[in-house]
Amino acid sequence: MQEPNGQPDQQPSRTPQPNQILAVPATIENCRTDWEAAADVRQTMAQQVAKAAH
């Protein structure tokens, strides 16, 4: 099948890919870094939950 731009439809590869989550060891430092990097995500999620509760 072709896309509207005339290019063939590209199907995603079905070849298993390495899992990046499992590739990194779960050390205390790695967990701390992830936690700190996700502060904005937790804040957004808290705002969405609070908004949905009203």
PDB file of N, CA and C in Angstrom:
ATOM      1  N   MET A   1       0.837  -1.171   0.000  1.00  0.00           N
ATOM      2  CA  MET A   1       0.000   0.000   0.000  1.00  0.00           C
ATOM      3  C   MET A   1       0.886   1.240   0.000  1.00  0.00           C
ATOM      4  N   GLN A   2       0.394   2.324  -0.592  1.00  0.00           N
ATOM      5  CA  GLN A   2       1.182   3.550  -0.653  1.00  0.00           C
ATOM      6  C   GLN A   2       0.573   4.630   0.222  1.00  0.00           C
ATOM      7  N   GLU A   3       1.436   5.458   0.741  1.00  0.00           N
ATOM      8  CA  GLU A   3       1.026   6.620   1.515  1.00  0.00           C
ATOM      9  C   GLU A   3       0.486   7.682   0.563  1.00  0.00           C
ATOM     10  N   PRO A   4      -0.251   8.691   1.076  1.00  0.00           N
ATOM     11  CA  PRO A   4      -0.753   9.761   0.208  1.00  0.00           C
ATOM     12  C   PRO A   4       0.351  10.502  -0.539  1.00  0.00           C
ATOM     13  N   ASN A   5       1.578  10.484  -0.021  1.00  0.00           N
ATOM     14  CA  ASN A   5       2.680  11.175  -0.700  1.00  0.00           C
ATOM     15  C   ASN A   5       3.296  10.320  -1.792  1.00  0.00           C
ATOM     16  N   GLY A   6       2.750   9.144  -2.038  1.00  0.00           N
ATOM     17  CA  GLY A   6       3.242   8.284  -3.105  1.00  0.00           C
ATOM     18  C   GLY A   6       4.346   7.336  -2.686  1.00  0.00           C
ATOM     19  N   GLN A   7       4.779   7.407  -1.434  1.00  0.00           N
ATOM     20  CA  GLN A   7       5.838   6.544  -0.931  1.00  0.00           C
ATOM     21  C   GLN A   7       5.229   5.241  -0.397  1.00  0.00           C
ATOM     22  N   PRO A   8       5.948   4.131  -0.530  1.00  0.00           N
ATOM     23  CA  PRO A   8       5.443   2.873   0.028  1.00  0.00           C
ATOM     24  C   PRO A   8       5.272   2.965   1.538  1.00  0.00           C
ATOM     25  N   ASP A   9       4.253   2.310   2.045  1.00  0.00           N
ATOM     26  CA  ASP A   9       3.971   2.263   3.481  1.00  0.00           C
ATOM     27  C   ASP A   9       5.103   1.522   4.182  1.00  0.00           C
ATOM     28  N   GLN A  10       5.740   2.149   5.172  1.00  0.00           N
ATOM     29  CA  GLN A  10       6.841   1.531   5.906  1.00  0.00           C
ATOM     30  C   GLN A  10       6.297   0.844   7.154  1.00  0.00           C
ATOM     31  N   GLN A  11       6.507  -0.441   7.258  1.00  0.00           N
ATOM     32  CA  GLN A  11       6.087  -1.206   8.425  1.00  0.00           C
ATOM     33  C   GLN A  11       7.226  -1.214   9.446  1.00  0.00           C
ATOM     34  N   PRO A  12       6.888  -1.146  10.730  1.00  0.00           N
ATOM     35  CA  PRO A  12       7.946  -1.213  11.741  1.00  0.00           C
ATOM     36  C   PRO A  12       8.617  -2.581  11.721  1.00  0.00           C
ATOM     37  N   SER A  13       9.867  -2.594  12.083  1.00  0.00           N
ATOM     38  CA  SER A  13      10.615  -3.839  12.150  1.00  0.00           C
ATOM     39  C   SER A  13      10.039  -4.718  13.259  1.00  0.00           C
ATOM     40  N   ARG A  14       9.905  -5.981  12.986  1.00  0.00           N
ATOM     41  CA  ARG A  14       9.410  -6.923  13.996  1.00  0.00           C
ATOM     42  C   ARG A  14      10.566  -7.648  14.687  1.00  0.00           C
ATOM     43  N   THR A  15      11.781  -7.223  14.381  1.00  0.00           N
ATOM     44  CA  THR A  15      12.959  -7.812  15.010  1.00  0.00           C
ATOM     45  C   THR A  15      13.043  -7.325  16.459  1.00  0.00           C
ATOM     46  N   PRO A  16      13.176  -8.222  17.424  1.00  0.00           N
ATOM     47  CA  PRO A  16      13.288  -7.780  18.820  1.00  0.00           C
ATOM     48  C   PRO A  16      14.475  -6.826  19.004  1.00  0.00           C
ATOM     49  N   GLN A  17      14.250  -5.795  19.782  1.00  0.00           N
ATOM     50  CA  GLN A  17      15.281  -4.800  20.061  1.00  0.00           C
ATOM     51  C   GLN A  17      15.734  -4.939  21.504  1.00  0.00           C
ATOM     52  N   PRO A  18      16.979  -4.583  21.788  1.00  0.00           N
ATOM     53  CA  PRO A  18      17.451  -4.645  23.182  1.00  0.00           C
ATOM     54  C   PRO A  18      16.619  -3.713  24.065  1.00  0.00           C
ATOM     55  N   ASN A  19      16.344  -4.131  25.260  1.00  0.00           N
ATOM     56  CA  ASN A  19      15.585  -3.337  26.212  1.00  0.00           C
ATOM     57  C   ASN A  19      16.559  -2.434  26.968  1.00  0.00           C
ATOM     58  N   GLN A  20      16.456  -1.123  26.731  1.00  0.00           N
ATOM     59  CA  GLN A  20      17.385  -0.186  27.358  1.00  0.00           C
ATOM     60  C   GLN A  20      17.183  -0.086  28.859  1.00  0.00           C
ATOM     61  N   ILE A  21      15.981  -0.357  29.332  1.00  0.00           N
ATOM     62  CA  ILE A  21      15.736  -0.312  30.772  1.00  0.00           C
ATOM     63  C   ILE A  21      16.516  -1.419  31.468  1.00  0.00           C
ATOM     64  N   LEU A  22      16.504  -2.599  30.865  1.00  0.00           N
ATOM     65  CA  LEU A  22      17.213  -3.723  31.468  1.00  0.00           C
ATOM     66  C   LEU A  22      18.717  -3.655  31.241  1.00  0.00           C
ATOM     67  N   ALA A  23      19.156  -2.856  30.277  1.00  0.00           N
ATOM     68  CA  ALA A  23      20.574  -2.774  29.953  1.00  0.00           C
ATOM     69  C   ALA A  23      21.351  -1.948  30.982  1.00  0.00           C
ATOM     70  N   VAL A  24      20.656  -1.111  31.754  1.00  0.00           N
ATOM     71  CA  VAL A  24      21.320  -0.244  32.728  1.00  0.00           C
ATOM     72  C   VAL A  24      21.126  -0.832  34.122  1.00  0.00           C
ATOM     73  N   PRO A  25      22.192  -1.020  34.876  1.00  0.00           N
ATOM     74  CA  PRO A  25      22.040  -1.588  36.216  1.00  0.00           C
ATOM     75  C   PRO A  25      21.241  -0.657  37.136  1.00  0.00           C
ATOM     76  N   ALA A  26      20.446  -1.240  38.010  1.00  0.00           N
ATOM     77  CA  ALA A  26      19.611  -0.478  38.938  1.00  0.00           C
ATOM     78  C   ALA A  26      20.401  -0.152  40.203  1.00  0.00           C
ATOM     79  N   THR A  27      21.360   0.740  40.047  1.00  0.00           N
ATOM     80  CA  THR A  27      22.142   1.164  41.207  1.00  0.00           C
ATOM     81  C   THR A  27      21.418   2.304  41.912  1.00  0.00           C
ATOM     82  N   ILE A  28      21.810   2.565  43.129  1.00  0.00           N
ATOM     83  CA  ILE A  28      21.204   3.682  43.867  1.00  0.00           C
ATOM     84  C   ILE A  28      21.422   4.991  43.116  1.00  0.00           C
ATOM     85  N   GLU A  29      22.610   5.187  42.590  1.00  0.00           N
ATOM     86  CA  GLU A  29      22.909   6.431  41.860  1.00  0.00           C
ATOM     87  C   GLU A  29      22.052   6.560  40.600  1.00  0.00           C
ATOM     88  N   ASN A  30      21.906   5.463  39.836  1.00  0.00           N
ATOM     89  CA  ASN A  30      21.072   5.516  38.629  1.00  0.00           C
ATOM     90  C   ASN A  30      19.618   5.802  38.982  1.00  0.00           C
ATOM     91  N   CYS A  31      19.131   5.201  40.061  1.00  0.00           N
ATOM     92  CA  CYS A  31      17.758   5.447  40.490  1.00  0.00           C
ATOM     93  C   CYS A  31      17.578   6.902  40.931  1.00  0.00           C
ATOM     94  N   ARG A  32      18.555   7.422  41.665  1.00  0.00           N
ATOM     95  CA  ARG A  32      18.492   8.817  42.104  1.00  0.00           C
ATOM     96  C   ARG A  32      18.470   9.761  40.900  1.00  0.00           C
ATOM     97  N   THR A  33      19.296   9.481  39.919  1.00  0.00           N
ATOM     98  CA  THR A  33      19.349  10.319  38.709  1.00  0.00           C
ATOM     99  C   THR A  33      18.010  10.294  37.980  1.00  0.00           C
ATOM    100  N   ASP A  34      17.431   9.108  37.835  1.00  0.00           N
ATOM    101  CA  ASP A  34      16.123   8.990  37.179  1.00  0.00           C
ATOM    102  C   ASP A  34      15.055   9.750  37.949  1.00  0.00           C
ATOM    103  N   TRP A  35      15.057   9.607  39.276  1.00  0.00           N
ATOM    104  CA  TRP A  35      14.073  10.281  40.127  1.00  0.00           C
ATOM    105  C   TRP A  35      14.181  11.801  39.966  1.00  0.00           C
ATOM    106  N   GLU A  36      15.394  12.316  40.008  1.00  0.00           N
ATOM    107  CA  GLU A  36      15.602  13.758  39.878  1.00  0.00           C
ATOM    108  C   GLU A  36      15.201  14.251  38.490  1.00  0.00           C
ATOM    109  N   ALA A  37      15.485  13.466  37.470  1.00  0.00           N
ATOM    110  CA  ALA A  37      15.167  13.875  36.100  1.00  0.00           C
ATOM    111  C   ALA A  37      13.667  13.882  35.834  1.00  0.00           C
ATOM    112  N   ALA A  38      12.899  13.152  36.633  1.00  0.00           N
ATOM    113  CA  ALA A  38      11.463  13.035  36.392  1.00  0.00           C
ATOM    114  C   ALA A  38      10.620  13.947  37.272  1.00  0.00           C
ATOM    115  N   ALA A  39      11.228  14.914  37.929  1.00  0.00           N
ATOM    116  CA  ALA A  39      10.473  15.805  38.813  1.00  0.00           C
ATOM    117  C   ALA A  39       9.357  16.513  38.060  1.00  0.00           C
ATOM    118  N   ASP A  40       9.614  16.965  36.843  1.00  0.00           N
ATOM    119  CA  ASP A  40       8.588  17.666  36.068  1.00  0.00           C
ATOM    120  C   ASP A  40       7.442  16.731  35.693  1.00  0.00           C
ATOM    121  N   VAL A  41       7.747  15.466  35.440  1.00  0.00           N
ATOM    122  CA  VAL A  41       6.707  14.492  35.100  1.00  0.00           C
ATOM    123  C   VAL A  41       5.805  14.254  36.304  1.00  0.00           C
ATOM    124  N   ARG A  42       6.401  14.106  37.488  1.00  0.00           N
ATOM    125  CA  ARG A  42       5.604  13.905  38.695  1.00  0.00           C
ATOM    126  C   ARG A  42       4.733  15.124  38.986  1.00  0.00           C
ATOM    127  N   GLN A  43       5.256  16.302  38.760  1.00  0.00           N
ATOM    128  CA  GLN A  43       4.491  17.524  38.994  1.00  0.00           C
ATOM    129  C   GLN A  43       3.306  17.607  38.035  1.00  0.00           C
ATOM    130  N   THR A  44       3.542  17.325  36.767  1.00  0.00           N
ATOM    131  CA  THR A  44       2.468  17.350  35.778  1.00  0.00           C
ATOM    132  C   THR A  44       1.406  16.316  36.117  1.00  0.00           C
ATOM    133  N   MET A  45       1.835  15.127  36.497  1.00  0.00           N
ATOM    134  CA  MET A  45       0.891  14.074  36.837  1.00  0.00           C
ATOM    135  C   MET A  45       0.053  14.471  38.060  1.00  0.00           C
ATOM    136  N   ALA A  46       0.668  15.073  39.062  1.00  0.00           N
ATOM    137  CA  ALA A  46      -0.059  15.507  40.250  1.00  0.00           C
ATOM    138  C   ALA A  46      -1.100  16.569  39.888  1.00  0.00           C
ATOM    139  N   GLN A  47      -0.757  17.481  38.996  1.00  0.00           N
ATOM    140  CA  GLN A  47      -1.701  18.502  38.552  1.00  0.00           C
ATOM    141  C   GLN A  47      -2.877  17.880  37.805  1.00  0.00           C
ATOM    142  N   GLN A  48      -2.606  16.887  36.963  1.00  0.00           N
ATOM    143  CA  GLN A  48      -3.657  16.241  36.207  1.00  0.00           C
ATOM    144  C   GLN A  48      -4.588  15.461  37.129  1.00  0.00           C
ATOM    145  N   VAL A  49      -4.025  14.788  38.128  1.00  0.00           N
ATOM    146  CA  VAL A  49      -4.848  14.040  39.080  1.00  0.00           C
ATOM    147  C   VAL A  49      -5.715  14.987  39.879  1.00  0.00           C
ATOM    148  N   ALA A  50      -5.138  16.104  40.328  1.00  0.00           N
ATOM    149  CA  ALA A  50      -5.896  17.079  41.097  1.00  0.00           C
ATOM    150  C   ALA A  50      -7.018  17.676  40.253  1.00  0.00           C
ATOM    151  N   LYS A  51      -6.747  17.955  39.003  1.00  0.00           N
ATOM    152  CA  LYS A  51      -7.758  18.533  38.109  1.00  0.00           C
ATOM    153  C   LYS A  51      -8.885  17.518  37.841  1.00  0.00           C
ATOM    154  N   ALA A  52      -8.535  16.252  37.687  1.00  0.00           N
ATOM    155  CA  ALA A  52      -9.527  15.217  37.424  1.00  0.00           C
ATOM    156  C   ALA A  52     -10.400  14.962  38.651  1.00  0.00           C
ATOM    157  N   ALA A  53      -9.861  15.213  39.832  1.00  0.00           N
ATOM    158  CA  ALA A  53     -10.616  14.958  41.059  1.00  0.00           C
ATOM    159  C   ALA A  53     -11.697  16.012  41.301  1.00  0.00           C
ATOM    160  N   HIS A  54     -11.613  17.125  40.629  1.00  0.00           N
ATOM    161  CA  HIS A  54     -12.616  18.197  40.845  1.00  0.00           C
ATOM    162  C   HIS A  54     -13.694  18.144  39.837  1.00  0.00           C
TER     163      HIS A  54
END
